C-alpha cells in the first residue's frame, strides 16, 4: 500500500512540475514582436542592417522577443491578427497570441524605435493599474 501511495505521490509531483514548467514558459513569452517578412524585401534587409543586428541586445528584446514569420505563413503564425498582413516588413506586437498593435513598413531606425516604444507602452501597466504579475 505504501508503495502505491509513493508512486501516486511521485506522479502528482511530476505532473505539477511539468504543468508549472509549461505555465512558466507561457508567462515568459506572453508578449512578443513578430516580424512578417519575405525573401527579397529591400526594406526587410534595411531593417536587418539598421536594427535587426542589435535588437537582441536591447531592453525591448527582453520585453518583446523577436519572432520572424514569412508573410505567406501568417495564417499559421498562431496570432489573432486585427487584419491580414499585406506589406513587408510588418511588425506585430502580440500579447498572449493576440495583436496589440503593428508597425507597417520600415523607413528608418528612429521612426521604428519611436513607434515600437509607443506600442510597447500599451503592454506596461499604468501607475494606477495593478501589475499583471
C-alpha atoms as a PDB file:
ATOM      1  CA  UNK A   1       0.000   0.000   0.000  1.00  0.00           C
ATOM      2  CA  UNK A   2       2.779   2.451   0.881  1.00  0.00           C
ATOM      3  CA  UNK A   3       4.455   1.545  -2.406  1.00  0.00           C
ATOM      4  CA  UNK A   4       1.318   2.584  -4.342  1.00  0.00           C
ATOM      5  CA  UNK A   5       0.998   5.772  -2.310  1.00  0.00           C
ATOM      6  CA  UNK A   6       4.618   6.631  -3.124  1.00  0.00           C
ATOM      7  CA  UNK A   7       4.024   6.079  -6.855  1.00  0.00           C
ATOM      8  CA  UNK A   8       0.888   8.242  -6.777  1.00  0.00           C
ATOM      9  CA  UNK A   9       2.718  10.988  -4.926  1.00  0.00           C
ATOM     10  CA  UNK A  10       5.640  10.826  -7.375  1.00  0.00           C
ATOM     11  CA  UNK A  11       3.279  11.070 -10.357  1.00  0.00           C
ATOM     12  CA  UNK A  12       1.458  14.017  -8.781  1.00  0.00           C
ATOM     13  CA  UNK A  13       4.707  15.864  -8.090  1.00  0.00           C
ATOM     14  CA  UNK A  14       5.944  15.164 -11.623  1.00  0.00           C
ATOM     15  CA  UNK A  15       2.668  16.396 -13.148  1.00  0.00           C
ATOM     16  CA  UNK A  16       2.771  19.552 -11.027  1.00  0.00           C
ATOM     17  CA  UNK A  17       6.368  20.251 -12.017  1.00  0.00           C
ATOM     18  CA  UNK A  18       5.533  19.708 -15.695  1.00  0.00           C
ATOM     19  CA  UNK A  19       2.478  21.998 -15.619  1.00  0.00           C
ATOM     20  CA  UNK A  20       4.396  24.653 -13.692  1.00  0.00           C
ATOM     21  CA  UNK A  21       7.110  24.497 -16.339  1.00  0.00           C
ATOM     22  CA  UNK A  22       4.527  24.959 -19.080  1.00  0.00           C
ATOM     23  CA  UNK A  23       2.922  27.835 -17.218  1.00  0.00           C
ATOM     24  CA  UNK A  24       6.297  29.493 -16.655  1.00  0.00           C
ATOM     25  CA  UNK A  25       7.205  29.163 -20.355  1.00  0.00           C
ATOM     26  CA  UNK A  26       3.872  30.670 -21.344  1.00  0.00           C
ATOM     27  CA  UNK A  27       4.293  33.574 -18.969  1.00  0.00           C
ATOM     28  CA  UNK A  28       7.843  34.227 -20.069  1.00  0.00           C
ATOM     29  CA  UNK A  29       6.842  34.531 -23.726  1.00  0.00           C
ATOM     30  CA  UNK A  30       3.387  36.105 -23.359  1.00  0.00           C
ATOM     31  CA  UNK A  31       4.328  39.235 -25.332  1.00  0.00           C
ATOM     32  CA  UNK A  32       6.410  39.180 -28.499  1.00  0.00           C
ATOM     33  CA  UNK A  33       7.365  41.188 -31.552  1.00  0.00           C
ATOM     34  CA  UNK A  34       6.549  39.295 -34.719  1.00  0.00           C
ATOM     35  CA  UNK A  35       8.229  40.426 -37.912  1.00  0.00           C
ATOM     36  CA  UNK A  36       6.365  39.413 -41.057  1.00  0.00           C
ATOM     37  CA  UNK A  37       8.904  39.333 -43.867  1.00  0.00           C
ATOM     38  CA  UNK A  38       9.583  37.800 -47.255  1.00  0.00           C
ATOM     39  CA  UNK A  39      12.605  36.913 -49.330  1.00  0.00           C
ATOM     40  CA  UNK A  40      13.916  39.767 -51.451  1.00  0.00           C
ATOM     41  CA  UNK A  41      12.245  42.516 -49.397  1.00  0.00           C
ATOM     42  CA  UNK A  42      14.589  45.514 -49.601  1.00  0.00           C
ATOM     43  CA  UNK A  43      13.025  47.193 -46.560  1.00  0.00           C
ATOM     44  CA  UNK A  44      13.371  43.973 -44.533  1.00  0.00           C
ATOM     45  CA  UNK A  45      17.063  43.948 -45.431  1.00  0.00           C
ATOM     46  CA  UNK A  46      17.400  47.608 -44.460  1.00  0.00           C
ATOM     47  CA  UNK A  47      15.721  46.917 -41.090  1.00  0.00           C
ATOM     48  CA  UNK A  48      18.069  43.971 -40.555  1.00  0.00           C
ATOM     49  CA  UNK A  49      21.083  46.181 -41.208  1.00  0.00           C
ATOM     50  CA  UNK A  50      19.909  49.123 -39.085  1.00  0.00           C
ATOM     51  CA  UNK A  51      18.037  47.421 -36.227  1.00  0.00           C
ATOM     52  CA  UNK A  52      17.981  43.643 -36.515  1.00  0.00           C
ATOM     53  CA  UNK A  53      21.678  43.180 -35.966  1.00  0.00           C
ATOM     54  CA  UNK A  54      21.429  44.747 -32.493  1.00  0.00           C
ATOM     55  CA  UNK A  55      17.802  44.140 -31.495  1.00  0.00           C
ATOM     56  CA  UNK A  56      18.540  41.078 -29.331  1.00  0.00           C
ATOM     57  CA  UNK A  57      20.838  43.187 -27.137  1.00  0.00           C
ATOM     58  CA  UNK A  58      18.168  45.769 -26.240  1.00  0.00           C
ATOM     59  CA  UNK A  59      15.722  46.177 -23.370  1.00  0.00           C
ATOM     60  CA  UNK A  60      12.936  45.976 -25.940  1.00  0.00           C
ATOM     61  CA  UNK A  61      14.066  42.469 -26.898  1.00  0.00           C
ATOM     62  CA  UNK A  62      13.843  41.350 -23.283  1.00  0.00           C
ATOM     63  CA  UNK A  63      10.270  42.616 -23.120  1.00  0.00           C
ATOM     64  CA  UNK A  64       9.345  41.663 -26.696  1.00  0.00           C
ATOM     65  CA  UNK A  65      11.397  38.770 -28.064  1.00  0.00           C
ATOM     66  CA  UNK A  66      11.562  38.829 -31.861  1.00  0.00           C
ATOM     67  CA  UNK A  67       9.972  36.058 -33.912  1.00  0.00           C
ATOM     68  CA  UNK A  68      10.158  36.082 -37.697  1.00  0.00           C
ATOM     69  CA  UNK A  69       7.333  34.769 -39.869  1.00  0.00           C
ATOM     70  CA  UNK A  70       7.205  34.594 -43.641  1.00  0.00           C
ATOM     71  CA  UNK A  71       4.217  36.612 -44.843  1.00  0.00           C
ATOM     72  CA  UNK A  72       2.931  33.537 -46.682  1.00  0.00           C
ATOM     73  CA  UNK A  73       2.645  31.728 -43.312  1.00  0.00           C
ATOM     74  CA  UNK A  74       0.682  34.374 -41.423  1.00  0.00           C
ATOM     75  CA  UNK A  75      -2.382  32.131 -41.051  1.00  0.00           C
ATOM     76  CA  UNK A  76      -0.292  29.562 -39.203  1.00  0.00           C
ATOM     77  CA  UNK A  77       1.604  32.125 -37.100  1.00  0.00           C
ATOM     78  CA  UNK A  78      -0.518  31.455 -34.017  1.00  0.00           C
ATOM     79  CA  UNK A  79      -1.520  35.119 -33.749  1.00  0.00           C
ATOM     80  CA  UNK A  80      -5.018  36.503 -33.957  1.00  0.00           C
ATOM     81  CA  UNK A  81      -4.413  39.411 -36.307  1.00  0.00           C
ATOM     82  CA  UNK A  82      -6.639  42.504 -36.425  1.00  0.00           C
ATOM     83  CA  UNK A  83      -6.374  42.379 -40.233  1.00  0.00           C
ATOM     84  CA  UNK A  84      -4.266  40.461 -42.754  1.00  0.00           C
ATOM     85  CA  UNK A  85      -0.642  41.493 -43.191  1.00  0.00           C
ATOM     86  CA  UNK A  86      -0.204  42.842 -46.726  1.00  0.00           C
ATOM     87  CA  UNK A  87       3.224  44.511 -46.727  1.00  0.00           C
ATOM     88  CA  UNK A  88       6.695  43.598 -45.521  1.00  0.00           C
ATOM     89  CA  UNK A  89       8.132  44.230 -43.160  1.00  0.00           C
ATOM     90  CA  UNK A  90       5.195  44.435 -40.804  1.00  0.00           C
ATOM     91  CA  UNK A  91       5.942  44.256 -37.085  1.00  0.00           C
ATOM     92  CA  UNK A  92       3.096  42.989 -34.913  1.00  0.00           C
ATOM     93  CA  UNK A  93       3.177  43.230 -31.150  1.00  0.00           C
ATOM     94  CA  UNK A  94       1.249  40.284 -29.817  1.00  0.00           C
ATOM     95  CA  UNK A  95       0.294  39.530 -26.237  1.00  0.00           C
ATOM     96  CA  UNK A  96      -0.994  36.050 -25.444  1.00  0.00           C
ATOM     97  CA  UNK A  97      -1.376  35.394 -29.172  1.00  0.00           C
ATOM     98  CA  UNK A  98      -3.499  38.478 -29.868  1.00  0.00           C
ATOM     99  CA  UNK A  99      -2.409  41.538 -31.840  1.00  0.00           C
ATOM    100  CA  UNK A 100      -1.972  44.646 -29.706  1.00  0.00           C
ATOM    101  CA  UNK A 101      -0.657  46.884 -32.478  1.00  0.00           C
ATOM    102  CA  UNK A 102       1.517  46.952 -35.559  1.00  0.00           C
ATOM    103  CA  UNK A 103       4.127  48.886 -37.458  1.00  0.00           C
ATOM    104  CA  UNK A 104       3.708  48.590 -41.211  1.00  0.00           C
ATOM    105  CA  UNK A 105       6.840  49.165 -43.231  1.00  0.00           C
ATOM    106  CA  UNK A 106      10.258  50.480 -42.307  1.00  0.00           C
ATOM    107  CA  UNK A 107      11.698  53.901 -43.127  1.00  0.00           C
ATOM    108  CA  UNK A 108      14.489  54.414 -40.593  1.00  0.00           C
ATOM    109  CA  UNK A 109      15.665  53.302 -37.169  1.00  0.00           C
ATOM    110  CA  UNK A 110      14.499  56.411 -35.295  1.00  0.00           C
ATOM    111  CA  UNK A 111      10.938  56.031 -36.540  1.00  0.00           C
ATOM    112  CA  UNK A 112      10.966  52.295 -35.759  1.00  0.00           C
ATOM    113  CA  UNK A 113      12.182  52.731 -32.159  1.00  0.00           C
ATOM    114  CA  UNK A 114       9.688  55.529 -31.513  1.00  0.00           C
ATOM    115  CA  UNK A 115       6.741  53.549 -32.860  1.00  0.00           C
ATOM    116  CA  UNK A 116       7.857  50.400 -31.033  1.00  0.00           C
ATOM    117  CA  UNK A 117       8.122  52.292 -27.748  1.00  0.00           C
ATOM    118  CA  UNK A 118       4.611  53.718 -28.199  1.00  0.00           C
ATOM    119  CA  UNK A 119       3.168  50.261 -28.859  1.00  0.00           C
ATOM    120  CA  UNK A 120       5.133  48.635 -26.042  1.00  0.00           C
ATOM    121  CA  UNK A 121       3.656  51.200 -23.644  1.00  0.00           C
ATOM    122  CA  UNK A 122       0.287  49.527 -24.218  1.00  0.00           C
ATOM    123  CA  UNK A 123       1.698  46.437 -22.510  1.00  0.00           C
ATOM    124  CA  UNK A 124       3.013  48.260 -19.439  1.00  0.00           C
ATOM    125  CA  UNK A 125       0.576  48.802 -16.580  1.00  0.00           C
ATOM    126  CA  UNK A 126      -0.205  52.425 -15.844  1.00  0.00           C
ATOM    127  CA  UNK A 127       0.764  53.743 -12.379  1.00  0.00           C
ATOM    128  CA  UNK A 128      -2.841  53.376 -11.185  1.00  0.00           C
ATOM    129  CA  UNK A 129      -3.331  49.954 -12.778  1.00  0.00           C
ATOM    130  CA  UNK A 130      -2.157  46.949 -10.745  1.00  0.00           C
ATOM    131  CA  UNK A 131       0.577  44.829 -12.226  1.00  0.00           C
ATOM    132  CA  UNK A 132      -0.492  41.728 -14.185  1.00  0.00           C
ATOM    133  CA  UNK A 133       2.180  39.664 -12.460  1.00  0.00           C
END
